[in-house]
Amino acid sequence: MNTAPASSPRLELSEQSRPKLSRHARLKFDKIREQWVLLVPERVLVPDETAVEILHLCDGERSIAAVVDELCRKYAADRQLIRNDVIALLQDLADKGYLIDAGEEKA
């Protein structure tokens, strides 16, 4: 008999996902380091400026499509390139358990 705990299914992000930080992850400005840090259990991550901007837009209300559209307006860059970069960053954080989809949270 297999007694290993069942692992939760991988969160697959799409443009319709409404990402937000999980309850055990916080984006905070560290005055000592004079930079933004992502505080997660037993770790402090230092995201680059672009990642910080993306994370500020991930409020659980905006979809990834809306985040991408906002960045496209701001930077006048190719939408597909921005979309790929945003989803890659957010999927990596979701895979580590630092990001959730607010749309699935109530399910």
C-alpha atoms as a PDB file:
ATOM      1  CA  MET A   1       0.000   0.000   0.000  1.00  0.00           C
ATOM      2  CA  ASN A   2       1.318   3.448  -0.943  1.00  0.00           C
ATOM      3  CA  THR A   3       1.394   5.732   2.112  1.00  0.00           C
ATOM      4  CA  ALA A   4       3.089   8.693   0.435  1.00  0.00           C
ATOM      5  CA  PRO A   5       1.021  11.879   0.641  1.00  0.00           C
ATOM      6  CA  ALA A   6      -0.707  12.850  -2.559  1.00  0.00           C
ATOM      7  CA  SER A   7       0.967  15.823  -4.135  1.00  0.00           C
ATOM      8  CA  SER A   8      -1.186  18.731  -5.157  1.00  0.00           C
ATOM      9  CA  PRO A   9      -1.596  19.202  -8.882  1.00  0.00           C
ATOM     10  CA  ARG A  10       0.673  21.729 -10.569  1.00  0.00           C
ATOM     11  CA  LEU A  11      -0.927  25.132 -11.056  1.00  0.00           C
ATOM     12  CA  GLU A  12      -0.856  25.848 -14.791  1.00  0.00           C
ATOM     13  CA  LEU A  13      -1.023  29.592 -15.357  1.00  0.00           C
ATOM     14  CA  SER A  14      -2.706  31.077 -18.397  1.00  0.00           C
ATOM     15  CA  GLU A  15      -3.668  34.576 -19.498  1.00  0.00           C
ATOM     16  CA  GLN A  16      -6.971  34.143 -17.638  1.00  0.00           C
ATOM     17  CA  SER A  17      -5.255  33.345 -14.310  1.00  0.00           C
ATOM     18  CA  ARG A  18      -5.481  36.022 -11.620  1.00  0.00           C
ATOM     19  CA  PRO A  19      -2.188  35.622  -9.767  1.00  0.00           C
ATOM     20  CA  LYS A  20      -1.387  36.840  -6.298  1.00  0.00           C
ATOM     21  CA  LEU A  21       1.240  35.980  -3.726  1.00  0.00           C
ATOM     22  CA  SER A  22       0.379  33.061  -1.484  1.00  0.00           C
ATOM     23  CA  ARG A  23      -0.358  33.797   2.150  1.00  0.00           C
ATOM     24  CA  HIS A  24       3.179  32.852   3.218  1.00  0.00           C
ATOM     25  CA  ALA A  25       4.935  35.113   0.673  1.00  0.00           C
ATOM     26  CA  ARG A  26       5.323  38.884   1.022  1.00  0.00           C
ATOM     27  CA  LEU A  27       6.846  41.521  -1.222  1.00  0.00           C
ATOM     28  CA  LYS A  28       8.465  44.120   0.996  1.00  0.00           C
ATOM     29  CA  PHE A  29      10.857  47.027   0.577  1.00  0.00           C
ATOM     30  CA  ASP A  30      13.945  46.350   2.705  1.00  0.00           C
ATOM     31  CA  LYS A  31      15.214  49.717   3.932  1.00  0.00           C
ATOM     32  CA  ILE A  32      18.571  48.285   4.978  1.00  0.00           C
ATOM     33  CA  ARG A  33      19.258  46.722   1.573  1.00  0.00           C
ATOM     34  CA  GLU A  34      17.409  49.573  -0.174  1.00  0.00           C
ATOM     35  CA  GLN A  35      15.673  47.113  -2.482  1.00  0.00           C
ATOM     36  CA  TRP A  36      12.534  45.035  -2.785  1.00  0.00           C
ATOM     37  CA  VAL A  37      12.661  41.511  -1.400  1.00  0.00           C
ATOM     38  CA  LEU A  38      10.270  38.595  -1.578  1.00  0.00           C
ATOM     39  CA  LEU A  39       9.978  37.020   1.850  1.00  0.00           C
ATOM     40  CA  VAL A  40       9.081  33.324   1.721  1.00  0.00           C
ATOM     41  CA  PRO A  41       9.480  30.575   4.310  1.00  0.00           C
ATOM     42  CA  GLU A  42      13.118  30.353   5.368  1.00  0.00           C
ATOM     43  CA  ARG A  43      14.254  32.465   2.395  1.00  0.00           C
ATOM     44  CA  VAL A  44      14.663  36.004   1.184  1.00  0.00           C
ATOM     45  CA  LEU A  45      14.570  36.377  -2.593  1.00  0.00           C
ATOM     46  CA  VAL A  46      15.793  39.516  -4.351  1.00  0.00           C
ATOM     47  CA  PRO A  47      13.768  40.008  -7.539  1.00  0.00           C
ATOM     48  CA  ASP A  48      15.012  42.339 -10.258  1.00  0.00           C
ATOM     49  CA  GLU A  49      13.172  45.587 -11.087  1.00  0.00           C
ATOM     50  CA  THR A  50      11.059  43.962 -13.783  1.00  0.00           C
ATOM     51  CA  ALA A  51       9.975  41.128 -11.498  1.00  0.00           C
ATOM     52  CA  VAL A  52       9.057  43.629  -8.772  1.00  0.00           C
ATOM     53  CA  GLU A  53       6.928  45.585 -11.232  1.00  0.00           C
ATOM     54  CA  ILE A  54       5.152  42.397 -12.322  1.00  0.00           C
ATOM     55  CA  LEU A  55       4.579  41.293  -8.714  1.00  0.00           C
ATOM     56  CA  HIS A  56       3.061  44.655  -7.823  1.00  0.00           C
ATOM     57  CA  LEU A  57       0.488  44.074 -10.574  1.00  0.00           C
ATOM     58  CA  CYS A  58      -0.368  40.590  -9.271  1.00  0.00           C
ATOM     59  CA  ASP A  59      -3.154  41.543  -6.898  1.00  0.00           C
ATOM     60  CA  GLY A  60      -5.549  38.649  -7.478  1.00  0.00           C
ATOM     61  CA  GLU A  61      -7.903  40.970  -9.354  1.00  0.00           C
ATOM     62  CA  ARG A  62      -5.973  41.473 -12.599  1.00  0.00           C
ATOM     63  CA  SER A  63      -5.587  38.592 -15.004  1.00  0.00           C
ATOM     64  CA  ILE A  64      -2.199  37.812 -16.495  1.00  0.00           C
ATOM     65  CA  ALA A  65      -3.575  39.233 -19.760  1.00  0.00           C
ATOM     66  CA  ALA A  66      -4.258  42.544 -17.973  1.00  0.00           C
ATOM     67  CA  VAL A  67      -0.756  42.539 -16.449  1.00  0.00           C
ATOM     68  CA  VAL A  68       0.754  41.931 -19.888  1.00  0.00           C
ATOM     69  CA  ASP A  69      -1.408  44.669 -21.439  1.00  0.00           C
ATOM     70  CA  GLU A  70      -0.309  47.141 -18.744  1.00  0.00           C
ATOM     71  CA  LEU A  71       3.364  46.346 -19.360  1.00  0.00           C
ATOM     72  CA  CYS A  72       2.867  46.607 -23.140  1.00  0.00           C
ATOM     73  CA  ARG A  73       1.374  50.090 -22.738  1.00  0.00           C
ATOM     74  CA  LYS A  74       4.185  51.183 -20.470  1.00  0.00           C
ATOM     75  CA  TYR A  75       7.067  49.797 -22.517  1.00  0.00           C
ATOM     76  CA  ALA A  76       5.632  49.726 -26.067  1.00  0.00           C
ATOM     77  CA  ALA A  77       7.128  46.256 -26.494  1.00  0.00           C
ATOM     78  CA  ASP A  78       6.032  43.137 -28.351  1.00  0.00           C
ATOM     79  CA  ARG A  79       3.075  41.577 -26.522  1.00  0.00           C
ATOM     80  CA  GLN A  80       4.103  37.976 -27.163  1.00  0.00           C
ATOM     81  CA  LEU A  81       7.594  38.584 -25.764  1.00  0.00           C
ATOM     82  CA  ILE A  82       6.223  40.259 -22.630  1.00  0.00           C
ATOM     83  CA  ARG A  83       3.568  37.544 -22.230  1.00  0.00           C
ATOM     84  CA  ASN A  84       6.158  34.770 -22.424  1.00  0.00           C
ATOM     85  CA  ASP A  85       8.432  36.486 -19.897  1.00  0.00           C
ATOM     86  CA  VAL A  86       5.584  37.239 -17.468  1.00  0.00           C
ATOM     87  CA  ILE A  87       4.189  33.704 -17.584  1.00  0.00           C
ATOM     88  CA  ALA A  88       7.685  32.191 -17.194  1.00  0.00           C
ATOM     89  CA  LEU A  89       8.372  34.294 -14.085  1.00  0.00           C
ATOM     90  CA  LEU A  90       4.967  33.700 -12.520  1.00  0.00           C
ATOM     91  CA  GLN A  91       4.927  29.985 -13.350  1.00  0.00           C
ATOM     92  CA  ASP A  92       8.305  29.580 -11.636  1.00  0.00           C
ATOM     93  CA  LEU A  93       6.953  31.283  -8.503  1.00  0.00           C
ATOM     94  CA  ALA A  94       3.749  29.212  -8.643  1.00  0.00           C
ATOM     95  CA  ASP A  95       5.756  26.000  -8.985  1.00  0.00           C
ATOM     96  CA  LYS A  96       7.594  26.918  -5.777  1.00  0.00           C
ATOM     97  CA  GLY A  97       4.310  27.606  -3.997  1.00  0.00           C
ATOM     98  CA  TYR A  98       4.854  31.368  -3.676  1.00  0.00           C
ATOM     99  CA  LEU A  99       2.037  32.349  -6.033  1.00  0.00           C
ATOM    100  CA  ILE A 100      -1.582  31.251  -6.333  1.00  0.00           C
ATOM    101  CA  ASP A 101      -4.422  31.836  -8.766  1.00  0.00           C
ATOM    102  CA  ALA A 102      -7.102  33.870  -6.959  1.00  0.00           C
ATOM    103  CA  GLY A 103      -9.674  32.495  -9.389  1.00  0.00           C
ATOM    104  CA  GLU A 104      -9.035  28.941  -8.167  1.00  0.00           C
ATOM    105  CA  GLU A 105      -8.705  29.922  -4.502  1.00  0.00           C
ATOM    106  CA  LYS A 106     -12.466  29.831  -3.923  1.00  0.00           C
ATOM    107  CA  ALA A 107     -12.968  26.578  -5.786  1.00  0.00           C
END
